[in-house]
Amino acid sequence: MLLVCRFDVPAPEADAFLARGRRALELLTAAAGCLGGELGRAIEEPGRWVLLVRFASVDAYRRALSPFPVREHVVPLLAEALADEPATFETLASGAGGAVTAHESLLTSSQDPAGGSAPV
């Protein structure tokens, strides 16, 4: 599972945002089932940032958000993310060293990608 959050950060707030993002990565990547994460800034638009964190499962993601320090430091940061698109994605393929591995969908076969039920 992927958590992908984009942010608009004014230049004067960049250092403080970087510190908050690093703290978020420390807390999230310490959780069981977290596979790693990155915080990055757009080269073309330095005010645009992205936080990407990979989890082994939806349950691992949910568990990672439950400890008090995460609710205190990470959840408020995530609430500042741009809300014009989804932030959580299922992994359907991953690649390393030139090899690609397919992953089973987390969505049930009775549910379409838009979130509704498919005809049975």
PDB file of N, CA and C in Angstrom:
ATOM      1  N   MET A   1       0.836  -1.171   0.000  1.00  0.00           N
ATOM      2  CA  MET A   1       0.000   0.000   0.000  1.00  0.00           C
ATOM      3  C   MET A   1       0.881   1.235   0.000  1.00  0.00           C
ATOM      4  N   LEU A   2       0.483   2.229  -0.737  1.00  0.00           N
ATOM      5  CA  LEU A   2       1.247   3.472  -0.821  1.00  0.00           C
ATOM      6  C   LEU A   2       0.457   4.631  -0.243  1.00  0.00           C
ATOM      7  N   LEU A   3       1.127   5.438   0.549  1.00  0.00           N
ATOM      8  CA  LEU A   3       0.583   6.705   1.013  1.00  0.00           C
ATOM      9  C   LEU A   3       1.340   7.780   0.247  1.00  0.00           C
ATOM     10  N   VAL A   4       0.620   8.583  -0.531  1.00  0.00           N
ATOM     11  CA  VAL A   4       1.238   9.630  -1.342  1.00  0.00           C
ATOM     12  C   VAL A   4       0.530  10.939  -1.035  1.00  0.00           C
ATOM     13  N   CYS A   5       1.219  11.844  -0.358  1.00  0.00           N
ATOM     14  CA  CYS A   5       0.633  13.135   0.001  1.00  0.00           C
ATOM     15  C   CYS A   5       1.478  14.248  -0.596  1.00  0.00           C
ATOM     16  N   ARG A   6       0.801  15.150  -1.296  1.00  0.00           N
ATOM     17  CA  ARG A   6       1.475  16.309  -1.883  1.00  0.00           C
ATOM     18  C   ARG A   6       1.155  17.538  -1.053  1.00  0.00           C
ATOM     19  N   PHE A   7       2.120  18.463  -1.001  1.00  0.00           N
ATOM     20  CA  PHE A   7       1.986  19.664  -0.184  1.00  0.00           C
ATOM     21  C   PHE A   7       2.442  20.885  -0.958  1.00  0.00           C
ATOM     22  N   ASP A   8       1.815  22.025  -0.692  1.00  0.00           N
ATOM     23  CA  ASP A   8       2.268  23.341  -1.141  1.00  0.00           C
ATOM     24  C   ASP A   8       2.888  24.008   0.072  1.00  0.00           C
ATOM     25  N   VAL A   9       4.171  24.313   0.008  1.00  0.00           N
ATOM     26  CA  VAL A   9       4.877  24.872   1.160  1.00  0.00           C
ATOM     27  C   VAL A   9       5.535  26.188   0.744  1.00  0.00           C
ATOM     28  N   PRO A  10       5.105  27.314   1.327  1.00  0.00           N
ATOM     29  CA  PRO A  10       5.754  28.590   1.017  1.00  0.00           C
ATOM     30  C   PRO A  10       7.238  28.554   1.408  1.00  0.00           C
ATOM     31  N   ALA A  11       8.074  29.212   0.634  1.00  0.00           N
ATOM     32  CA  ALA A  11       9.529  29.198   0.859  1.00  0.00           C
ATOM     33  C   ALA A  11       9.926  29.515   2.300  1.00  0.00           C
ATOM     34  N   PRO A  12       9.323  30.507   2.955  1.00  0.00           N
ATOM     35  CA  PRO A  12       9.739  30.806   4.331  1.00  0.00           C
ATOM     36  C   PRO A  12       9.452  29.662   5.322  1.00  0.00           C
ATOM     37  N   GLU A  13       8.551  28.744   4.952  1.00  0.00           N
ATOM     38  CA  GLU A  13       8.179  27.643   5.839  1.00  0.00           C
ATOM     39  C   GLU A  13       8.887  26.335   5.500  1.00  0.00           C
ATOM     40  N   ALA A  14       9.770  26.350   4.496  1.00  0.00           N
ATOM     41  CA  ALA A  14      10.398  25.118   4.005  1.00  0.00           C
ATOM     42  C   ALA A  14      11.219  24.406   5.079  1.00  0.00           C
ATOM     43  N   ASP A  15      12.025  25.122   5.841  1.00  0.00           N
ATOM     44  CA  ASP A  15      12.855  24.472   6.861  1.00  0.00           C
ATOM     45  C   ASP A  15      12.002  23.811   7.939  1.00  0.00           C
ATOM     46  N   ALA A  16      10.968  24.497   8.377  1.00  0.00           N
ATOM     47  CA  ALA A  16      10.078  23.931   9.402  1.00  0.00           C
ATOM     48  C   ALA A  16       9.329  22.729   8.844  1.00  0.00           C
ATOM     49  N   PHE A  17       8.900  22.810   7.579  1.00  0.00           N
ATOM     50  CA  PHE A  17       8.197  21.688   6.968  1.00  0.00           C
ATOM     51  C   PHE A  17       9.127  20.480   6.834  1.00  0.00           C
ATOM     52  N   LEU A  18      10.367  20.718   6.438  1.00  0.00           N
ATOM     53  CA  LEU A  18      11.338  19.633   6.331  1.00  0.00           C
ATOM     54  C   LEU A  18      11.512  18.933   7.675  1.00  0.00           C
ATOM     55  N   ALA A  19      11.608  19.684   8.748  1.00  0.00           N
ATOM     56  CA  ALA A  19      11.750  19.092  10.089  1.00  0.00           C
ATOM     57  C   ALA A  19      10.516  18.269  10.446  1.00  0.00           C
ATOM     58  N   ARG A  20       9.340  18.798  10.153  1.00  0.00           N
ATOM     59  CA  ARG A  20       8.102  18.058  10.436  1.00  0.00           C
ATOM     60  C   ARG A  20       8.005  16.804   9.579  1.00  0.00           C
ATOM     61  N   GLY A  21       8.393  16.902   8.323  1.00  0.00           N
ATOM     62  CA  GLY A  21       8.368  15.739   7.438  1.00  0.00           C
ATOM     63  C   GLY A  21       9.338  14.659   7.869  1.00  0.00           C
ATOM     64  N   ARG A  22      10.525  15.066   8.305  1.00  0.00           N
ATOM     65  CA  ARG A  22      11.500  14.093   8.817  1.00  0.00           C
ATOM     66  C   ARG A  22      10.962  13.385  10.046  1.00  0.00           C
ATOM     67  N   ARG A  23      10.310  14.141  10.940  1.00  0.00           N
ATOM     68  CA  ARG A  23       9.724  13.534  12.146  1.00  0.00           C
ATOM     69  C   ARG A  23       8.620  12.549  11.751  1.00  0.00           C
ATOM     70  N   ALA A  24       7.807  12.916  10.775  1.00  0.00           N
ATOM     71  CA  ALA A  24       6.756  12.014  10.296  1.00  0.00           C
ATOM     72  C   ALA A  24       7.362  10.719   9.757  1.00  0.00           C
ATOM     73  N   LEU A  25       8.441  10.837   8.986  1.00  0.00           N
ATOM     74  CA  LEU A  25       9.109   9.634   8.462  1.00  0.00           C
ATOM     75  C   LEU A  25       9.691   8.784   9.584  1.00  0.00           C
ATOM     76  N   GLU A  26      10.272   9.413  10.587  1.00  0.00           N
ATOM     77  CA  GLU A  26      10.809   8.654  11.729  1.00  0.00           C
ATOM     78  C   GLU A  26       9.710   7.835  12.381  1.00  0.00           C
ATOM     79  N   LEU A  27       8.575   8.469  12.640  1.00  0.00           N
ATOM     80  CA  LEU A  27       7.488   7.792  13.339  1.00  0.00           C
ATOM     81  C   LEU A  27       6.845   6.713  12.475  1.00  0.00           C
ATOM     82  N   LEU A  28       6.567   7.025  11.218  1.00  0.00           N
ATOM     83  CA  LEU A  28       5.896   6.051  10.356  1.00  0.00           C
ATOM     84  C   LEU A  28       6.788   4.871  10.017  1.00  0.00           C
ATOM     85  N   THR A  29       8.058   5.126   9.719  1.00  0.00           N
ATOM     86  CA  THR A  29       8.938   4.020   9.318  1.00  0.00           C
ATOM     87  C   THR A  29       9.355   3.155  10.497  1.00  0.00           C
ATOM     88  N   ALA A  30       9.106   3.599  11.721  1.00  0.00           N
ATOM     89  CA  ALA A  30       9.376   2.767  12.900  1.00  0.00           C
ATOM     90  C   ALA A  30       8.259   1.749  13.129  1.00  0.00           C
ATOM     91  N   ALA A  31       7.134   1.913  12.462  1.00  0.00           N
ATOM     92  CA  ALA A  31       5.980   1.036  12.660  1.00  0.00           C
ATOM     93  C   ALA A  31       6.186  -0.303  11.965  1.00  0.00           C
ATOM     94  N   ALA A  32       5.699  -1.353  12.608  1.00  0.00           N
ATOM     95  CA  ALA A  32       5.729  -2.687  11.995  1.00  0.00           C
ATOM     96  C   ALA A  32       4.924  -2.647  10.702  1.00  0.00           C
ATOM     97  N   GLY A  33       5.453  -3.229   9.656  1.00  0.00           N
ATOM     98  CA  GLY A  33       4.756  -3.263   8.382  1.00  0.00           C
ATOM     99  C   GLY A  33       5.038  -2.080   7.480  1.00  0.00           C
ATOM    100  N   CYS A  34       5.807  -1.112   7.961  1.00  0.00           N
ATOM    101  CA  CYS A  34       6.203   0.004   7.098  1.00  0.00           C
ATOM    102  C   CYS A  34       7.448  -0.427   6.327  1.00  0.00           C
ATOM    103  N   LEU A  35       7.401  -0.290   5.026  1.00  0.00           N
ATOM    104  CA  LEU A  35       8.491  -0.737   4.161  1.00  0.00           C
ATOM    105  C   LEU A  35       9.454   0.373   3.780  1.00  0.00           C
ATOM    106  N   GLY A  36       9.189   1.598   4.231  1.00  0.00           N
ATOM    107  CA  GLY A  36      10.080   2.717   3.931  1.00  0.00           C
ATOM    108  C   GLY A  36       9.312   3.916   3.424  1.00  0.00           C
ATOM    109  N   GLY A  37      10.008   5.017   3.301  1.00  0.00           N
ATOM    110  CA  GLY A  37       9.352   6.221   2.839  1.00  0.00           C
ATOM    111  C   GLY A  37      10.350   7.275   2.421  1.00  0.00           C
ATOM    112  N   GLU A  38       9.845   8.289   1.753  1.00  0.00           N
ATOM    113  CA  GLU A  38      10.666   9.403   1.294  1.00  0.00           C
ATOM    114  C   GLU A  38       9.898  10.705   1.408  1.00  0.00           C
ATOM    115  N   LEU A  39      10.635  11.768   1.579  1.00  0.00           N
ATOM    116  CA  LEU A  39      10.103  13.120   1.544  1.00  0.00           C
ATOM    117  C   LEU A  39      10.892  13.838   0.475  1.00  0.00           C
ATOM    118  N   GLY A  40      10.204  14.449  -0.476  1.00  0.00           N
ATOM    119  CA  GLY A  40      10.911  15.109  -1.568  1.00  0.00           C
ATOM    120  C   GLY A  40      10.293  16.440  -1.925  1.00  0.00           C
ATOM    121  N   ARG A  41      11.094  17.222  -2.651  1.00  0.00           N
ATOM    122  CA  ARG A  41      10.664  18.544  -3.107  1.00  0.00           C
ATOM    123  C   ARG A  41      10.810  18.584  -4.617  1.00  0.00           C
ATOM    124  N   ALA A  42       9.848  19.201  -5.297  1.00  0.00           N
ATOM    125  CA  ALA A  42       9.886  19.294  -6.758  1.00  0.00           C
ATOM    126  C   ALA A  42      11.038  20.193  -7.206  1.00  0.00           C
ATOM    127  N   ILE A  43      11.750  19.754  -8.186  1.00  0.00           N
ATOM    128  CA  ILE A  43      12.859  20.543  -8.721  1.00  0.00           C
ATOM    129  C   ILE A  43      12.323  21.738  -9.505  1.00  0.00           C
ATOM    130  N   GLU A  44      11.250  21.516 -10.260  1.00  0.00           N
ATOM    131  CA  GLU A  44      10.685  22.581 -11.090  1.00  0.00           C
ATOM    132  C   GLU A  44       9.922  23.616 -10.279  1.00  0.00           C
ATOM    133  N   GLU A  45       9.317  23.179  -9.179  1.00  0.00           N
ATOM    134  CA  GLU A  45       8.530  24.069  -8.311  1.00  0.00           C
ATOM    135  C   GLU A  45       8.910  23.776  -6.866  1.00  0.00           C
ATOM    136  N   PRO A  46       9.927  24.453  -6.319  1.00  0.00           N
ATOM    137  CA  PRO A  46      10.424  24.141  -4.972  1.00  0.00           C
ATOM    138  C   PRO A  46       9.398  24.268  -3.849  1.00  0.00           C
ATOM    139  N   GLY A  47       8.263  24.885  -4.113  1.00  0.00           N
ATOM    140  CA  GLY A  47       7.218  24.976  -3.108  1.00  0.00           C
ATOM    141  C   GLY A  47       6.329  23.741  -3.039  1.00  0.00           C
ATOM    142  N   ARG A  48       6.529  22.803  -3.983  1.00  0.00           N
ATOM    143  CA  ARG A  48       5.731  21.573  -4.015  1.00  0.00           C
ATOM    144  C   ARG A  48       6.545  20.435  -3.420  1.00  0.00           C
ATOM    145  N   TRP A  49       5.962  19.746  -2.443  1.00  0.00           N
ATOM    146  CA  TRP A  49       6.615  18.647  -1.734  1.00  0.00           C
ATOM    147  C   TRP A  49       5.749  17.401  -1.838  1.00  0.00           C
ATOM    148  N   VAL A  50       6.375  16.239  -1.626  1.00  0.00           N
ATOM    149  CA  VAL A  50       5.640  14.979  -1.602  1.00  0.00           C
ATOM    150  C   VAL A  50       6.183  14.097  -0.473  1.00  0.00           C
ATOM    151  N   LEU A  51       5.274  13.443   0.207  1.00  0.00           N
ATOM    152  CA  LEU A  51       5.614  12.441   1.211  1.00  0.00           C
ATOM    153  C   LEU A  51       5.085  11.118   0.682  1.00  0.00           C
ATOM    154  N   LEU A  52       5.970  10.138   0.535  1.00  0.00           N
ATOM    155  CA  LEU A  52       5.616   8.817   0.026  1.00  0.00           C
ATOM    156  C   LEU A  52       6.054   7.790   1.059  1.00  0.00           C
ATOM    157  N   VAL A  53       5.112   6.971   1.520  1.00  0.00           N
ATOM    158  CA  VAL A  53       5.426   5.932   2.496  1.00  0.00           C
ATOM    159  C   VAL A  53       4.792   4.636   2.009  1.00  0.00           C
ATOM    160  N   ARG A  54       5.567   3.543   2.075  1.00  0.00           N
ATOM    161  CA  ARG A  54       5.105   2.234   1.627  1.00  0.00           C
ATOM    162  C   ARG A  54       4.806   1.342   2.836  1.00  0.00           C
ATOM    163  N   PHE A  55       3.673   0.646   2.770  1.00  0.00           N
ATOM    164  CA  PHE A  55       3.264  -0.261   3.836  1.00  0.00           C
ATOM    165  C   PHE A  55       2.988  -1.641   3.255  1.00  0.00           C
ATOM    166  N   ALA A  56       3.179  -2.672   4.065  1.00  0.00           N
ATOM    167  CA  ALA A  56       2.963  -4.048   3.627  1.00  0.00           C
ATOM    168  C   ALA A  56       1.484  -4.343   3.392  1.00  0.00           C
ATOM    169  N   SER A  57       0.604  -3.623   4.070  1.00  0.00           N
ATOM    170  CA  SER A  57      -0.829  -3.887   3.942  1.00  0.00           C
ATOM    171  C   SER A  57      -1.617  -2.671   4.421  1.00  0.00           C
ATOM    172  N   VAL A  58      -2.911  -2.696   4.152  1.00  0.00           N
ATOM    173  CA  VAL A  58      -3.790  -1.647   4.650  1.00  0.00           C
ATOM    174  C   VAL A  58      -3.808  -1.685   6.176  1.00  0.00           C
ATOM    175  N   ASP A  59      -3.823  -2.882   6.743  1.00  0.00           N
ATOM    176  CA  ASP A  59      -3.801  -3.003   8.206  1.00  0.00           C
ATOM    177  C   ASP A  59      -2.540  -2.390   8.798  1.00  0.00           C
ATOM    178  N   ALA A  60      -1.387  -2.621   8.165  1.00  0.00           N
ATOM    179  CA  ALA A  60      -0.129  -2.037   8.652  1.00  0.00           C
ATOM    180  C   ALA A  60      -0.207  -0.512   8.608  1.00  0.00           C
ATOM    181  N   TYR A  61      -0.785   0.033   7.556  1.00  0.00           N
ATOM    182  CA  TYR A  61      -0.965   1.486   7.432  1.00  0.00           C
ATOM    183  C   TYR A  61      -1.848   2.007   8.572  1.00  0.00           C
ATOM    184  N   ARG A  62      -2.968   1.341   8.793  1.00  0.00           N
ATOM    185  CA  ARG A  62      -3.891   1.785   9.839  1.00  0.00           C
ATOM    186  C   ARG A  62      -3.245   1.692  11.220  1.00  0.00           C
ATOM    187  N   ARG A  63      -2.521   0.598  11.464  1.00  0.00           N
ATOM    188  CA  ARG A  63      -1.842   0.446  12.761  1.00  0.00           C
ATOM    189  C   ARG A  63      -0.765   1.518  12.947  1.00  0.00           C
ATOM    190  N   ALA A  64      -0.084   1.882  11.861  1.00  0.00           N
ATOM    191  CA  ALA A  64       0.975   2.888  11.944  1.00  0.00           C
ATOM    192  C   ALA A  64       0.433   4.253  12.340  1.00  0.00           C
ATOM    193  N   LEU A  65      -0.829   4.514  12.029  1.00  0.00           N
ATOM    194  CA  LEU A  65      -1.428   5.816  12.353  1.00  0.00           C
ATOM    195  C   LEU A  65      -2.019   5.879  13.754  1.00  0.00           C
ATOM    196  N   SER A  66      -2.032   4.773  14.478  1.00  0.00           N
ATOM    197  CA  SER A  66      -2.729   4.771  15.757  1.00  0.00           C
ATOM    198  C   SER A  66      -1.928   5.198  16.990  1.00  0.00           C
ATOM    199  N   PRO A  67      -0.598   5.046  17.073  1.00  0.00           N
ATOM    200  CA  PRO A  67       0.100   5.475  18.298  1.00  0.00           C
ATOM    201  C   PRO A  67      -0.052   6.977  18.545  1.00  0.00           C
ATOM    202  N   PHE A  68      -0.061   7.350  19.821  1.00  0.00           N
ATOM    203  CA  PHE A  68      -0.261   8.757  20.181  1.00  0.00           C
ATOM    204  C   PHE A  68       0.747   9.700  19.515  1.00  0.00           C
ATOM    205  N   PRO A  69       2.069   9.395  19.502  1.00  0.00           N
ATOM    206  CA  PRO A  69       3.000  10.334  18.859  1.00  0.00           C
ATOM    207  C   PRO A  69       2.689  10.558  17.373  1.00  0.00           C
ATOM    208  N   VAL A  70       2.172   9.532  16.707  1.00  0.00           N
ATOM    209  CA  VAL A  70       1.795   9.682  15.296  1.00  0.00           C
ATOM    210  C   VAL A  70       0.572  10.584  15.190  1.00  0.00           C
ATOM    211  N   ARG A  71      -0.411  10.352  16.043  1.00  0.00           N
ATOM    212  CA  ARG A  71      -1.608  11.206  16.013  1.00  0.00           C
ATOM    213  C   ARG A  71      -1.261  12.646  16.356  1.00  0.00           C
ATOM    214  N   GLU A  72      -0.242  12.838  17.190  1.00  0.00           N
ATOM    215  CA  GLU A  72       0.166  14.181  17.607  1.00  0.00           C
ATOM    216  C   GLU A  72       0.989  14.899  16.531  1.00  0.00           C
ATOM    217  N   HIS A  73       1.871  14.185  15.830  1.00  0.00           N
ATOM    218  CA  HIS A  73       2.800  14.826  14.893  1.00  0.00           C
ATOM    219  C   HIS A  73       2.491  14.565  13.422  1.00  0.00           C
ATOM    220  N   VAL A  74       2.102  13.348  13.084  1.00  0.00           N
ATOM    221  CA  VAL A  74       1.928  12.976  11.674  1.00  0.00           C
ATOM    222  C   VAL A  74       0.546  13.352  11.152  1.00  0.00           C
ATOM    223  N   VAL A  75      -0.497  13.017  11.890  1.00  0.00           N
ATOM    224  CA  VAL A  75      -1.858  13.269  11.410  1.00  0.00           C
ATOM    225  C   VAL A  75      -2.083  14.751  11.099  1.00  0.00           C
ATOM    226  N   PRO A  76      -1.644  15.692  11.949  1.00  0.00           N
ATOM    227  CA  PRO A  76      -1.811  17.107  11.574  1.00  0.00           C
ATOM    228  C   PRO A  76      -1.054  17.479  10.288  1.00  0.00           C
ATOM    229  N   LEU A  77       0.108  16.877  10.080  1.00  0.00           N
ATOM    230  CA  LEU A  77       0.856  17.130   8.844  1.00  0.00           C
ATOM    231  C   LEU A  77       0.079  16.604   7.642  1.00  0.00           C
ATOM    232  N   LEU A  78      -0.433  15.384   7.748  1.00  0.00           N
ATOM    233  CA  LEU A  78      -1.192  14.805   6.638  1.00  0.00           C
ATOM    234  C   LEU A  78      -2.452  15.610   6.339  1.00  0.00           C
ATOM    235  N   ALA A  79      -3.013  16.229   7.356  1.00  0.00           N
ATOM    236  CA  ALA A  79      -4.209  17.049   7.160  1.00  0.00           C
ATOM    237  C   ALA A  79      -3.916  18.293   6.317  1.00  0.00           C
ATOM    238  N   GLU A  80      -2.659  18.683   6.212  1.00  0.00           N
ATOM    239  CA  GLU A  80      -2.271  19.839   5.406  1.00  0.00           C
ATOM    240  C   GLU A  80      -1.997  19.483   3.945  1.00  0.00           C
ATOM    241  N   ALA A  81      -2.055  18.191   3.620  1.00  0.00           N
ATOM    242  CA  ALA A  81      -1.790  17.758   2.246  1.00  0.00           C
ATOM    243  C   ALA A  81      -2.861  18.293   1.306  1.00  0.00           C
ATOM    244  N   LEU A  82      -2.489  18.448   0.048  1.00  0.00           N
ATOM    245  CA  LEU A  82      -3.445  18.874  -0.970  1.00  0.00           C
ATOM    246  C   LEU A  82      -4.529  17.805  -1.078  1.00  0.00           C
ATOM    247  N   ALA A  83      -5.757  18.229  -1.089  1.00  0.00           N
ATOM    248  CA  ALA A  83      -6.868  17.280  -1.037  1.00  0.00           C
ATOM    249  C   ALA A  83      -7.567  17.107  -2.380  1.00  0.00           C
ATOM    250  N   ASP A  84      -6.900  17.464  -3.478  1.00  0.00           N
ATOM    251  CA  ASP A  84      -7.551  17.392  -4.780  1.00  0.00           C
ATOM    252  C   ASP A  84      -7.417  16.031  -5.455  1.00  0.00           C
ATOM    253  N   GLU A  85      -6.807  15.064  -4.784  1.00  0.00           N
ATOM    254  CA  GLU A  85      -6.687  13.720  -5.347  1.00  0.00           C
ATOM    255  C   GLU A  85      -6.503  12.716  -4.211  1.00  0.00           C
ATOM    256  N   PRO A  86      -6.699  11.429  -4.485  1.00  0.00           N
ATOM    257  CA  PRO A  86      -6.535  10.417  -3.433  1.00  0.00           C
ATOM    258  C   PRO A  86      -5.103  10.387  -2.912  1.00  0.00           C
ATOM    259  N   ALA A  87      -4.940   9.916  -1.670  1.00  0.00           N
ATOM    260  CA  ALA A  87      -3.618   9.834  -1.058  1.00  0.00           C
ATOM    261  C   ALA A  87      -3.175   8.403  -0.792  1.00  0.00           C
ATOM    262  N   THR A  88      -4.097   7.440  -0.825  1.00  0.00           N
ATOM    263  CA  THR A  88      -3.729   6.053  -0.565  1.00  0.00           C
ATOM    264  C   THR A  88      -3.981   5.223  -1.819  1.00  0.00           C
ATOM    265  N   PHE A  89      -3.004   4.398  -2.149  1.00  0.00           N
ATOM    266  CA  PHE A  89      -3.043   3.605  -3.374  1.00  0.00           C
ATOM    267  C   PHE A  89      -2.646   2.164  -3.076  1.00  0.00           C
ATOM    268  N   GLU A  90      -3.246   1.228  -3.803  1.00  0.00           N
ATOM    269  CA  GLU A  90      -2.805  -0.151  -3.693  1.00  0.00           C
ATOM    270  C   GLU A  90      -1.658  -0.365  -4.681  1.00  0.00           C
ATOM    271  N   THR A  91      -0.720  -1.226  -4.324  1.00  0.00           N
ATOM    272  CA  THR A  91       0.403  -1.549  -5.201  1.00  0.00           C
ATOM    273  C   THR A  91       0.002  -2.722  -6.077  1.00  0.00           C
ATOM    274  N   LEU A  92       0.020  -2.541  -7.391  1.00  0.00           N
ATOM    275  CA  LEU A  92      -0.329  -3.608  -8.323  1.00  0.00           C
ATOM    276  C   LEU A  92       0.892  -4.197  -9.008  1.00  0.00           C
ATOM    277  N   ALA A  93       1.984  -3.468  -9.032  1.00  0.00           N
ATOM    278  CA  ALA A  93       3.234  -3.968  -9.591  1.00  0.00           C
ATOM    279  C   ALA A  93       4.385  -3.237  -8.920  1.00  0.00           C
ATOM    280  N   SER A  94       5.468  -3.963  -8.673  1.00  0.00           N
ATOM    281  CA  SER A  94       6.673  -3.343  -8.130  1.00  0.00           C
ATOM    282  C   SER A  94       7.865  -3.888  -8.892  1.00  0.00           C
ATOM    283  N   GLY A  95       8.898  -3.078  -8.977  1.00  0.00           N
ATOM    284  CA  GLY A  95      10.070  -3.488  -9.733  1.00  0.00           C
ATOM    285  C   GLY A  95      11.351  -3.248  -8.974  1.00  0.00           C
ATOM    286  N   ALA A  96      12.313  -4.127  -9.221  1.00  0.00           N
ATOM    287  CA  ALA A  96      13.651  -3.993  -8.651  1.00  0.00           C
ATOM    288  C   ALA A  96      14.613  -4.795  -9.507  1.00  0.00           C
ATOM    289  N   GLY A  97      15.741  -4.208  -9.817  1.00  0.00           N
ATOM    290  CA  GLY A  97      16.762  -4.920 -10.582  1.00  0.00           C
ATOM    291  C   GLY A  97      16.306  -5.404 -11.942  1.00  0.00           C
ATOM    292  N   GLY A  98      15.357  -4.714 -12.535  1.00  0.00           N
ATOM    293  CA  GLY A  98      14.873  -5.087 -13.851  1.00  0.00           C
ATOM    294  C   GLY A  98      13.753  -6.116 -13.845  1.00  0.00           C
ATOM    295  N   ALA A  99      13.385  -6.624 -12.693  1.00  0.00           N
ATOM    296  CA  ALA A  99      12.294  -7.596 -12.587  1.00  0.00           C
ATOM    297  C   ALA A  99      11.063  -6.921 -12.005  1.00  0.00           C
ATOM    298  N   VAL A 100       9.907  -7.261 -12.540  1.00  0.00           N
ATOM    299  CA  VAL A 100       8.642  -6.700 -12.075  1.00  0.00           C
ATOM    300  C   VAL A 100       7.806  -7.809 -11.449  1.00  0.00           C
ATOM    301  N   THR A 101       7.269  -7.513 -10.277  1.00  0.00           N
ATOM    302  CA  THR A 101       6.419  -8.457  -9.568  1.00  0.00           C
ATOM    303  C   THR A 101       5.002  -7.916  -9.547  1.00  0.00           C
ATOM    304  N   ALA A 102       4.044  -8.754  -9.926  1.00  0.00           N
ATOM    305  CA  ALA A 102       2.637  -8.377  -9.878  1.00  0.00           C
ATOM    306  C   ALA A 102       2.112  -8.643  -8.477  1.00  0.00           C
ATOM    307  N   HIS A 103       1.216  -7.771  -8.017  1.00  0.00           N
ATOM    308  CA  HIS A 103       0.600  -7.923  -6.703  1.00  0.00           C
ATOM    309  C   HIS A 103      -0.906  -8.025  -6.874  1.00  0.00           C
ATOM    310  N   GLU A 104      -1.518  -8.854  -6.053  1.00  0.00           N
ATOM    311  CA  GLU A 104      -2.961  -9.025  -6.090  1.00  0.00           C
ATOM    312  C   GLU A 104      -3.636  -7.752  -5.599  1.00  0.00           C
ATOM    313  N   SER A 105      -4.751  -7.423  -6.207  1.00  0.00           N
ATOM    314  CA  SER A 105      -5.493  -6.231  -5.824  1.00  0.00           C
ATOM    315  C   SER A 105      -6.056  -6.376  -4.419  1.00  0.00           C
ATOM    316  N   LEU A 106      -6.074  -5.276  -3.684  1.00  0.00           N
ATOM    317  CA  LEU A 106      -6.678  -5.240  -2.361  1.00  0.00           C
ATOM    318  C   LEU A 106      -8.195  -5.092  -2.456  1.00  0.00           C
ATOM    319  N   LEU A 107      -8.657  -4.645  -3.609  1.00  0.00           N
ATOM    320  CA  LEU A 107     -10.090  -4.473  -3.816  1.00  0.00           C
ATOM    321  C   LEU A 107     -10.708  -5.836  -4.080  1.00  0.00           C
ATOM    322  N   THR A 108     -11.853  -6.097  -3.487  1.00  0.00           N
ATOM    323  CA  THR A 108     -12.520  -7.377  -3.718  1.00  0.00           C
ATOM    324  C   THR A 108     -13.060  -7.416  -5.135  1.00  0.00           C
ATOM    325  N   SER A 109     -13.258  -8.584  -5.657  1.00  0.00           N
ATOM    326  CA  SER A 109     -13.758  -8.709  -7.033  1.00  0.00           C
ATOM    327  C   SER A 109     -15.174  -8.175  -7.165  1.00  0.00           C
ATOM    328  N   SER A 110     -15.899  -8.019  -6.039  1.00  0.00           N
ATOM    329  CA  SER A 110     -17.262  -7.491  -6.111  1.00  0.00           C
ATOM    330  C   SER A 110     -17.294  -5.967  -5.988  1.00  0.00           C
ATOM    331  N   GLN A 111     -16.103  -5.336  -6.026  1.00  0.00           N
ATOM    332  CA  GLN A 111     -16.058  -3.880  -5.905  1.00  0.00           C
ATOM    333  C   GLN A 111     -15.301  -3.315  -7.087  1.00  0.00           C
ATOM    334  N   ASP A 112     -15.852  -2.297  -7.734  1.00  0.00           N
ATOM    335  CA  ASP A 112     -15.128  -1.684  -8.834  1.00  0.00           C
ATOM    336  C   ASP A 112     -14.172  -0.632  -8.291  1.00  0.00           C
ATOM    337  N   PRO A 113     -13.155  -0.204  -9.085  1.00  0.00           N
ATOM    338  CA  PRO A 113     -12.148   0.756  -8.593  1.00  0.00           C
ATOM    339  C   PRO A 113     -12.726   2.081  -8.131  1.00  0.00           C
ATOM    340  N   ALA A 114     -13.915   2.427  -8.588  1.00  0.00           N
ATOM    341  CA  ALA A 114     -14.526   3.696  -8.174  1.00  0.00           C
ATOM    342  C   ALA A 114     -15.153   3.595  -6.794  1.00  0.00           C
ATOM    343  N   GLY A 115     -15.154   2.393  -6.237  1.00  0.00           N
ATOM    344  CA  GLY A 115     -15.668   2.231  -4.889  1.00  0.00           C
ATOM    345  C   GLY A 115     -17.070   1.685  -4.811  1.00  0.00           C
ATOM    346  N   GLY A 116     -17.731   1.545  -5.957  1.00  0.00           N
ATOM    347  CA  GLY A 116     -19.080   0.984  -5.960  1.00  0.00           C
ATOM    348  C   GLY A 116     -19.041  -0.518  -6.128  1.00  0.00           C
ATOM    349  N   SER A 117     -20.161  -1.133  -6.083  1.00  0.00           N
ATOM    350  CA  SER A 117     -20.235  -2.577  -6.257  1.00  0.00           C
ATOM    351  C   SER A 117     -20.423  -2.907  -7.720  1.00  0.00           C
ATOM    352  N   ALA A 118     -19.702  -3.897  -8.175  1.00  0.00           N
ATOM    353  CA  ALA A 118     -19.855  -4.379  -9.547  1.00  0.00           C
ATOM    354  C   ALA A 118     -21.016  -5.357  -9.582  1.00  0.00           C
ATOM    355  N   PRO A 119     -21.675  -5.492 -10.729  1.00  0.00           N
ATOM    356  CA  PRO A 119     -22.778  -6.443 -10.824  1.00  0.00           C
ATOM    357  C   PRO A 119     -22.270  -7.864 -10.544  1.00  0.00           C
ATOM    358  N   VAL A 120     -23.098  -8.638  -9.874  1.00  0.00           N
ATOM    359  CA  VAL A 120     -22.714 -10.014  -9.531  1.00  0.00           C
ATOM    360  C   VAL A 120     -23.478 -10.970 -10.394  1.00  0.00           C
TER     361      VAL A 120
END
